């Protein structure tokens, strides 16, 4: 039996200011195109069941184009594969704060053969496939008692689908894990008792165990796409998004199926600018832009420049930077100031605390609720401070 596993589609995701000729945010259109191409590929692969492990939408109130597009794609999928059921489990982005609000995912139950699990855990039994799919949505981990992931008896082939971060199994500095997801202990999965564990929430395809996988996202839809690129490089799939085709034979076989992307994310080699003039920094940036195969037109580009004092930053060729921003879909010149030093004690050199240092120290000491991940909270605070600092440099 073959299973299509995808997650973190994030339809309705918007980013940057470029619009299509039809007035839709360009990145929203890119995400919709990735989903359409994924459906094309799934139809060609002809799996026996399709599973979406959370975050079909980017928001509990998605845009009208996102709703219409997704409805059309599910209807097209069911017409092409009428015998293959579709299972949708709600992720944190699909789940309203109040469960009484309801979820837009219920709309898809109007398409025959589509099964939605949005609040409490539920077993879906597909007798024709000799398959039971245990669905555990985000809300099940965040409200009430923790669910127990135990396969039902006499279930035939047993698959569990859930959405969250499995603690301790990702790279220690994994950058593509979003905030707001439930944290699961590896022991809670009981992976050895299932034929397959389909996971969502981490945006990079990642093997947890031979039979337990994150499928990753279909596009770059997190606040930190540059971190995703680094995580993908560790997995040997830099610049690739896609879904998983899983063969549940005697031995589980997992095939990563890449999805063509509308544009590249280009993280240019950093410039270390200590001691450089503004003209020298401009020349370094120009050389990196000129070295991009295929150019930067309509691409998403970042250039990090370290150790740029404020006066030097103001003297850079900002007119040329504006030209780059017009050519690329998005060009981010990420200017970072040198760490300030002062004299402490009797002539001993020391580092003066920055606002970021003060914030990090405060968040490291402050009492917080037990369910709050302190490491993530500190990283979020640092990212906000870095963003403010860069905006000040570019003004």
Protein backbone atom coordinates (compact mmCIF):
# COMPACT_ATOMS: atom_id res chain seq x y z
CA UNK A 1 0.00 0.00 0.00
CA UNK A 2 1.24 3.50 -0.88
CA UNK A 3 0.60 6.61 1.15
CA UNK A 4 1.10 10.27 0.19
CA UNK A 5 2.29 12.31 3.18
CA UNK A 6 2.39 16.11 3.02
CA UNK A 7 2.07 18.90 5.56
CA UNK A 8 2.54 22.62 6.23
CA UNK A 9 1.04 23.82 2.96
CA UNK A 10 0.16 27.21 4.51
CA UNK A 11 -2.23 28.30 1.77
CA UNK A 12 -2.95 32.02 2.06
CA UNK A 13 0.61 32.80 3.22
CA UNK A 14 1.58 36.37 2.26
CA UNK A 15 5.02 37.94 2.17
CA UNK A 16 6.64 41.02 0.63
CA UNK A 17 4.71 43.59 -1.40
CA UNK A 18 4.80 42.33 -4.99
CA UNK A 19 1.38 41.52 -6.51
CA UNK A 20 0.49 39.36 -9.49
CA UNK A 21 -1.31 40.94 -12.48
CA UNK A 22 -4.52 39.70 -10.83
CA UNK A 23 -3.81 41.60 -7.61
CA UNK A 24 -2.82 38.60 -5.45
CA UNK A 25 0.26 38.69 -3.26
CA UNK A 26 3.03 37.03 -5.29
CA UNK A 27 4.14 34.72 -2.49
CA UNK A 28 0.55 33.66 -1.88
CA UNK A 29 0.36 32.76 -5.56
CA UNK A 30 3.67 30.86 -5.31
CA UNK A 31 2.33 28.75 -2.42
CA UNK A 32 -0.88 28.02 -4.34
CA UNK A 33 1.16 26.94 -7.37
CA UNK A 34 3.27 24.60 -5.23
CA UNK A 35 0.10 22.94 -3.88
CA UNK A 36 -1.32 22.57 -7.40
CA UNK A 37 1.90 20.95 -8.64
CA UNK A 38 1.93 18.65 -5.63
CA UNK A 39 -1.58 17.49 -6.44
CA UNK A 40 -0.43 16.86 -10.03
CA UNK A 41 2.44 14.72 -8.76
CA UNK A 42 0.24 12.83 -6.30
CA UNK A 43 -2.24 12.03 -9.06
CA UNK A 44 0.63 10.67 -11.16
CA UNK A 45 1.97 8.56 -8.27
CA UNK A 46 -1.50 7.10 -7.57
CA UNK A 47 -1.21 6.42 -3.82
CA UNK A 48 -3.91 4.49 -1.98
CA UNK A 49 -4.45 7.29 0.57
CA UNK A 50 -3.43 10.95 0.95
CA UNK A 51 -2.59 12.37 4.39
CA UNK A 52 -2.09 16.05 5.26
CA UNK A 53 -0.44 16.35 8.67
CA UNK A 54 -1.56 19.85 9.63
CA UNK A 55 -1.38 23.52 8.63
CA UNK A 56 -3.18 23.32 5.33
CA UNK A 57 -3.84 27.04 5.79
CA UNK A 58 -1.61 29.77 7.15
CA UNK A 59 -4.44 31.23 9.23
CA UNK A 60 -7.69 30.14 10.84
CA UNK A 61 -9.29 32.79 8.63
CA UNK A 62 -7.66 32.21 5.23
CA UNK A 63 -8.16 34.44 2.23
CA UNK A 64 -11.01 33.73 -0.18
CA UNK A 65 -8.57 32.84 -3.02
CA UNK A 66 -6.87 30.30 -0.72
CA UNK A 67 -10.20 28.69 0.19
CA UNK A 68 -11.38 28.50 -3.42
CA UNK A 69 -8.04 27.18 -4.68
CA UNK A 70 -7.84 24.45 -2.05
CA UNK A 71 -11.43 23.36 -2.65
CA UNK A 72 -10.76 23.07 -6.39
CA UNK A 73 -7.57 21.06 -5.80
CA UNK A 74 -9.25 18.58 -3.45
CA UNK A 75 -12.13 18.13 -5.86
CA UNK A 76 -9.64 17.54 -8.67
CA UNK A 77 -7.72 15.04 -6.56
CA UNK A 78 -10.85 13.08 -5.72
CA UNK A 79 -11.96 13.01 -9.35
CA UNK A 80 -8.58 11.65 -10.45
CA UNK A 81 -8.23 9.17 -7.54
CA UNK A 82 -11.81 8.34 -6.49
CA UNK A 83 -10.74 5.32 -4.45
CA UNK A 84 -8.05 7.12 -2.44
CA UNK A 85 -9.38 8.75 0.75
CA UNK A 86 -7.94 12.08 1.88
CA UNK A 87 -7.24 12.68 5.58
CA UNK A 88 -6.68 16.23 6.90
CA UNK A 89 -5.48 16.77 10.48
CA UNK A 90 -5.52 20.31 11.90
CA UNK A 91 -2.23 21.95 12.86
CA UNK A 92 -1.62 24.97 15.06
CA UNK A 93 -2.25 27.41 12.19
CA UNK A 94 -5.58 25.68 11.41
CA UNK A 95 -6.78 25.70 15.02
CA UNK A 96 -8.75 28.68 16.42
CA UNK A 97 -8.08 29.82 19.98
CA UNK A 98 -11.62 28.84 20.91
CA UNK A 99 -12.72 25.45 19.61
CA UNK A 100 -16.32 26.72 19.63
CA UNK A 101 -15.31 29.03 16.78
CA UNK A 102 -15.06 26.10 14.40
CA UNK A 103 -12.57 25.59 11.60
CA UNK A 104 -12.69 26.24 7.87
CA UNK A 105 -11.32 22.72 7.35
CA UNK A 106 -14.82 21.36 7.83
CA UNK A 107 -15.65 22.81 4.41
CA UNK A 108 -13.77 19.97 2.74
CA UNK A 109 -16.05 17.33 4.21
CA UNK A 110 -18.43 18.44 1.45
CA UNK A 111 -16.04 16.74 -0.96
CA UNK A 112 -16.76 13.03 -0.80
CA UNK A 113 -13.93 10.93 0.59
CA UNK A 114 -12.27 13.78 2.51
CA UNK A 115 -12.01 13.22 6.28
CA UNK A 116 -11.20 16.10 8.64
CA UNK A 117 -10.02 15.72 12.26
CA UNK A 118 -9.71 19.10 13.95
CA UNK A 119 -10.20 18.80 17.71
CA UNK A 120 -10.21 15.42 19.52
CA UNK A 121 -8.20 12.34 18.50
CA UNK A 122 -10.06 9.96 16.21
CA UNK A 123 -9.48 6.60 14.54
CA UNK A 124 -10.45 6.40 10.87
CA UNK A 125 -10.95 2.85 9.65
CA UNK A 126 -10.62 2.10 5.94
CA UNK A 127 -11.69 -1.53 5.60
CA UNK A 128 -10.99 -1.74 1.88
CA UNK A 129 -7.36 -0.86 2.59
CA UNK A 130 -7.11 -2.92 5.81
CA UNK A 131 -5.89 0.36 7.32
CA UNK A 132 -6.58 2.37 10.48
CA UNK A 133 -5.38 5.99 10.63
CA UNK A 134 -5.22 7.47 14.12
CA UNK A 135 -5.48 11.26 13.85
CA UNK A 136 -4.22 13.51 16.67
CA UNK A 137 -4.67 17.22 15.83
CA UNK A 138 -2.87 20.12 17.47
CA UNK A 139 -5.79 20.86 19.81
CA UNK A 140 -5.55 17.39 21.33
CA UNK A 141 -2.07 18.23 22.68
CA UNK A 142 -2.97 21.66 24.05
CA UNK A 143 -6.34 21.13 25.73
CA UNK A 144 -7.10 18.66 28.51
CA UNK A 145 -5.24 15.45 29.21
CA UNK A 146 -2.42 14.37 26.89
CA UNK A 147 -3.55 11.78 24.35
CA UNK A 148 -2.07 8.30 24.41
CA UNK A 149 -0.87 7.13 21.01
CA UNK A 150 -1.70 3.44 21.12
CA UNK A 151 -2.75 1.54 17.98
CA UNK A 152 -6.18 -0.07 18.21
CA UNK A 153 -6.24 -3.84 18.29
CA UNK A 154 -6.85 -5.76 15.06
CA UNK A 155 -6.33 -2.54 13.11
CA UNK A 156 -4.57 -4.05 10.12
CA UNK A 157 -2.00 -1.56 8.88
CA UNK A 158 -1.61 1.14 11.54
CA UNK A 159 -0.73 4.78 10.82
CA UNK A 160 -0.74 7.74 13.22
CA UNK A 161 -0.86 11.37 12.06
CA UNK A 162 -0.06 14.31 14.31
CA UNK A 163 1.29 17.86 14.28
CA UNK A 164 3.97 19.14 16.65
CA UNK A 165 7.66 19.19 17.54
CA UNK A 166 9.17 15.92 18.68
CA UNK A 167 11.57 17.07 21.38
CA UNK A 168 15.23 16.25 21.01
CA UNK A 169 15.13 14.64 17.57
CA UNK A 170 15.90 17.70 15.43
CA UNK A 171 19.27 19.36 14.99
CA UNK A 172 20.12 21.20 18.20
CA UNK A 173 20.20 24.51 16.34
CA UNK A 174 17.32 23.65 13.98
CA UNK A 175 16.09 26.94 12.52
CA UNK A 176 12.95 25.90 10.67
CA UNK A 177 10.79 24.95 13.68
CA UNK A 178 7.96 27.43 14.10
CA UNK A 179 6.73 28.86 17.36
CA UNK A 180 3.30 27.88 18.64
CA UNK A 181 3.46 24.13 18.05
CA UNK A 182 2.89 21.44 20.65
CA UNK A 183 5.99 19.73 22.02
CA UNK A 184 5.87 15.91 22.02
CA UNK A 185 8.23 13.62 23.85
CA UNK A 186 9.62 10.87 21.58
CA UNK A 187 8.22 8.24 23.95
CA UNK A 188 4.71 9.62 23.40
CA UNK A 189 4.82 8.61 19.74
CA UNK A 190 5.26 4.89 20.53
CA UNK A 191 6.77 4.76 17.05
CA UNK A 192 7.73 1.10 17.32
CA UNK A 193 4.04 0.17 17.62
CA UNK A 194 2.97 1.83 14.37
CA UNK A 195 3.59 0.95 10.75
CA UNK A 196 4.10 4.63 9.97
CA UNK A 197 4.10 7.95 11.86
CA UNK A 198 3.22 10.98 9.68
CA UNK A 199 4.38 14.23 11.27
CA UNK A 200 3.81 17.89 10.50
CA UNK A 201 5.11 21.23 11.87
CA UNK A 202 8.84 21.10 11.00
CA UNK A 203 9.24 22.63 7.53
CA UNK A 204 12.16 20.45 6.40
CA UNK A 205 11.77 16.79 5.37
CA UNK A 206 13.36 14.86 8.21
CA UNK A 207 13.61 11.24 9.29
CA UNK A 208 12.82 10.74 12.99
CA UNK A 209 12.94 6.94 12.67
CA UNK A 210 12.75 4.62 9.69
CA UNK A 211 8.95 4.64 10.03
CA UNK A 212 8.48 8.20 11.38
CA UNK A 213 8.98 11.28 9.21
CA UNK A 214 8.33 14.97 8.88
CA UNK A 215 7.38 15.62 5.27
CA UNK A 216 8.41 19.27 5.42
CA UNK A 217 6.61 22.15 3.72
CA UNK A 218 5.86 22.64 0.02
CA UNK A 219 7.27 26.19 -0.05
CA UNK A 220 9.24 28.56 2.16
CA UNK A 221 6.46 29.76 4.45
CA UNK A 222 8.15 30.33 7.81
CA UNK A 223 9.44 33.60 9.29
CA UNK A 224 13.00 32.27 8.88
CA UNK A 225 13.48 30.79 5.40
CA UNK A 226 17.27 31.24 5.69
CA UNK A 227 17.30 28.86 8.63
CA UNK A 228 15.34 26.38 6.53
CA UNK A 229 18.05 26.51 3.86
CA UNK A 230 20.68 25.61 6.46
CA UNK A 231 18.56 22.78 7.85
CA UNK A 232 17.94 21.46 4.33
CA UNK A 233 21.68 21.48 3.65
CA UNK A 234 22.15 19.18 6.65
CA UNK A 235 19.58 16.83 5.13
CA UNK A 236 21.26 16.96 1.70
CA UNK A 237 18.27 18.74 0.13
CA UNK A 238 19.19 22.43 0.15
CA UNK A 239 16.67 24.49 -1.78
CA UNK A 240 14.21 21.59 -2.10
CA UNK A 241 10.64 21.38 -0.85
CA UNK A 242 8.25 18.51 -1.43
CA UNK A 243 6.21 15.61 -0.08
CA UNK A 244 6.76 11.95 0.79
CA UNK A 245 5.56 8.86 -1.05
CA UNK A 246 5.56 6.04 1.51
CA UNK A 247 5.41 2.37 0.55
CA UNK A 248 4.04 0.41 3.50
CA UNK A 249 5.29 -2.97 2.36
CA UNK A 250 7.20 -5.37 4.62
CA UNK A 251 9.86 -2.70 4.99
CA UNK A 252 8.78 0.93 5.01
CA UNK A 253 10.25 2.77 2.02
CA UNK A 254 10.07 6.58 1.93
CA UNK A 255 10.68 8.57 -1.25
CA UNK A 256 11.09 12.35 -1.12
CA UNK A 257 9.26 13.92 -4.07
CA UNK A 258 10.51 17.48 -4.77
CA UNK A 259 8.09 20.15 -5.96
CA UNK A 260 9.30 22.72 -8.54
CA UNK A 261 9.52 26.14 -6.88
CA UNK A 262 8.49 29.40 -8.51
CA UNK A 263 11.72 31.11 -7.45
CA UNK A 264 14.97 30.54 -5.59
CA UNK A 265 15.99 31.71 -2.15
CA UNK A 266 19.55 32.98 -2.47
CA UNK A 267 21.58 33.52 0.70
CA UNK A 268 24.71 35.27 -0.59
CA UNK A 269 28.10 34.64 0.99
CA UNK A 270 28.49 37.06 3.94
CA UNK A 271 30.74 40.10 3.74
CA UNK A 272 33.05 40.66 6.72
CA UNK A 273 33.48 44.40 6.52
CA UNK A 274 35.70 45.28 9.49
CA UNK A 275 38.03 48.09 8.40
CA UNK A 276 36.40 48.49 4.95
CA UNK A 277 35.22 51.77 3.45
CA UNK A 278 31.69 52.15 2.15
CA UNK A 279 33.01 51.93 -1.42
CA UNK A 280 34.82 48.67 -0.66
CA UNK A 281 31.69 47.17 0.88
CA UNK A 282 29.67 48.25 -2.18
CA UNK A 283 32.20 46.48 -4.40
CA UNK A 284 31.99 43.27 -2.36
CA UNK A 285 28.20 43.27 -2.56
CA UNK A 286 28.32 43.94 -6.32
CA UNK A 287 30.72 41.03 -6.83
CA UNK A 288 28.41 38.64 -4.99
CA UNK A 289 25.39 39.79 -7.00
CA UNK A 290 27.30 39.43 -10.27
CA UNK A 291 28.30 35.89 -9.27
CA UNK A 292 24.73 34.56 -8.93
CA UNK A 293 24.04 32.05 -11.73
CA UNK A 294 20.99 33.21 -13.63
CA UNK A 295 20.89 36.54 -11.82
CA UNK A 296 18.60 37.79 -9.07
CA UNK A 297 15.61 39.01 -11.07
CA UNK A 298 12.38 37.88 -9.35
CA UNK A 299 14.32 35.87 -6.76
CA UNK A 300 14.42 36.23 -2.95
CA UNK A 301 17.89 37.37 -1.92
CA UNK A 302 19.69 38.12 1.33
CA UNK A 303 23.11 39.68 1.80
CA UNK A 304 24.55 39.70 5.34
CA UNK A 305 27.31 42.25 6.01
CA UNK A 306 29.09 41.98 9.38
CA UNK A 307 30.88 44.71 11.34
CA UNK A 308 29.40 47.79 9.66
CA UNK A 309 29.58 50.92 11.85
CA UNK A 310 26.60 53.24 11.57
CA UNK A 311 28.46 56.04 9.69
CA UNK A 312 29.76 53.55 7.10
CA UNK A 313 26.28 52.07 6.70
CA UNK A 314 24.86 55.49 5.91
CA UNK A 315 27.48 56.04 3.18
CA UNK A 316 26.68 52.87 1.25
CA UNK A 317 25.18 53.19 -2.22
CA UNK A 318 21.54 52.94 -1.16
CA UNK A 319 20.32 54.03 -4.59
CA UNK A 320 21.87 50.85 -6.02
CA UNK A 321 20.31 48.83 -3.18
CA UNK A 322 16.91 50.24 -4.14
CA UNK A 323 17.57 49.16 -7.73
CA UNK A 324 18.33 45.63 -6.52
CA UNK A 325 15.11 45.60 -4.52
CA UNK A 326 13.21 46.53 -7.68
CA UNK A 327 14.85 43.74 -9.71
CA UNK A 328 14.46 40.95 -7.16
CA UNK A 329 11.16 39.87 -5.71
CA UNK A 330 12.82 40.72 -2.41
CA UNK A 331 16.36 41.88 -1.61
CA UNK A 332 17.37 42.13 2.04
CA UNK A 333 20.61 43.92 2.87
CA UNK A 334 21.24 42.65 6.40
CA UNK A 335 23.72 45.11 7.97
CA UNK A 336 25.12 44.12 11.36
CA UNK A 337 27.03 46.49 13.62
CA UNK A 338 30.29 45.60 15.38
CA UNK A 339 29.99 44.57 19.01
CA UNK A 340 30.86 47.65 21.08
CA UNK A 341 33.80 47.50 23.53
CA UNK A 342 34.67 49.56 26.59
CA UNK A 343 37.39 49.67 29.21
CA UNK A 344 36.54 47.98 32.54
CA UNK A 345 38.55 47.71 35.73
CA UNK A 346 42.09 49.02 35.47
CA UNK A 347 42.58 49.27 31.73
CA UNK A 348 41.20 45.77 31.04
CA UNK A 349 39.25 45.46 27.80
CA UNK A 350 35.67 44.26 28.08
CA UNK A 351 32.49 44.05 26.07
CA UNK A 352 29.74 46.58 26.78
CA UNK A 353 26.35 44.98 27.09
CA UNK A 354 24.02 45.70 24.20
CA UNK A 355 20.25 45.92 24.53
CA UNK A 356 20.13 42.41 23.09
CA UNK A 357 22.49 41.18 25.83
CA UNK A 358 20.33 42.82 28.50
CA UNK A 359 17.15 41.32 27.06
CA UNK A 360 18.73 37.85 26.81
CA UNK A 361 19.88 38.01 30.41
CA UNK A 362 16.49 39.18 31.61
CA UNK A 363 14.58 36.47 29.76
CA UNK A 364 17.06 33.88 31.02
CA UNK A 365 16.27 34.80 34.64
CA UNK A 366 12.61 35.78 34.50
CA UNK A 367 10.09 33.30 35.96
CA UNK A 368 7.88 31.97 33.15
CA UNK A 369 5.07 29.45 32.82
CA UNK A 370 6.19 25.84 32.71
CA UNK A 371 4.76 25.27 29.22
CA UNK A 372 6.78 28.14 27.70
CA UNK A 373 10.00 27.08 25.99
CA UNK A 374 12.59 29.50 27.41
CA UNK A 375 15.11 28.80 24.65
CA UNK A 376 12.55 29.65 21.98
CA UNK A 377 11.40 32.76 23.89
CA UNK A 378 14.96 34.08 24.07
CA UNK A 379 15.57 33.36 20.37
CA UNK A 380 12.38 35.21 19.44
CA UNK A 381 13.42 38.23 21.52
CA UNK A 382 16.86 38.27 19.91
CA UNK A 383 15.35 38.11 16.43
CA UNK A 384 13.13 41.14 17.18
CA UNK A 385 16.08 43.13 18.50
CA UNK A 386 18.17 42.23 15.43
CA UNK A 387 15.35 43.34 13.15
CA UNK A 388 15.09 46.73 14.87
CA UNK A 389 18.87 47.21 14.73
CA UNK A 390 18.97 46.45 10.99
CA UNK A 391 16.11 48.87 10.29
CA UNK A 392 17.95 51.61 12.16
CA UNK A 393 21.10 50.99 10.12
CA UNK A 394 19.24 51.14 6.82
CA UNK A 395 17.32 54.35 7.62
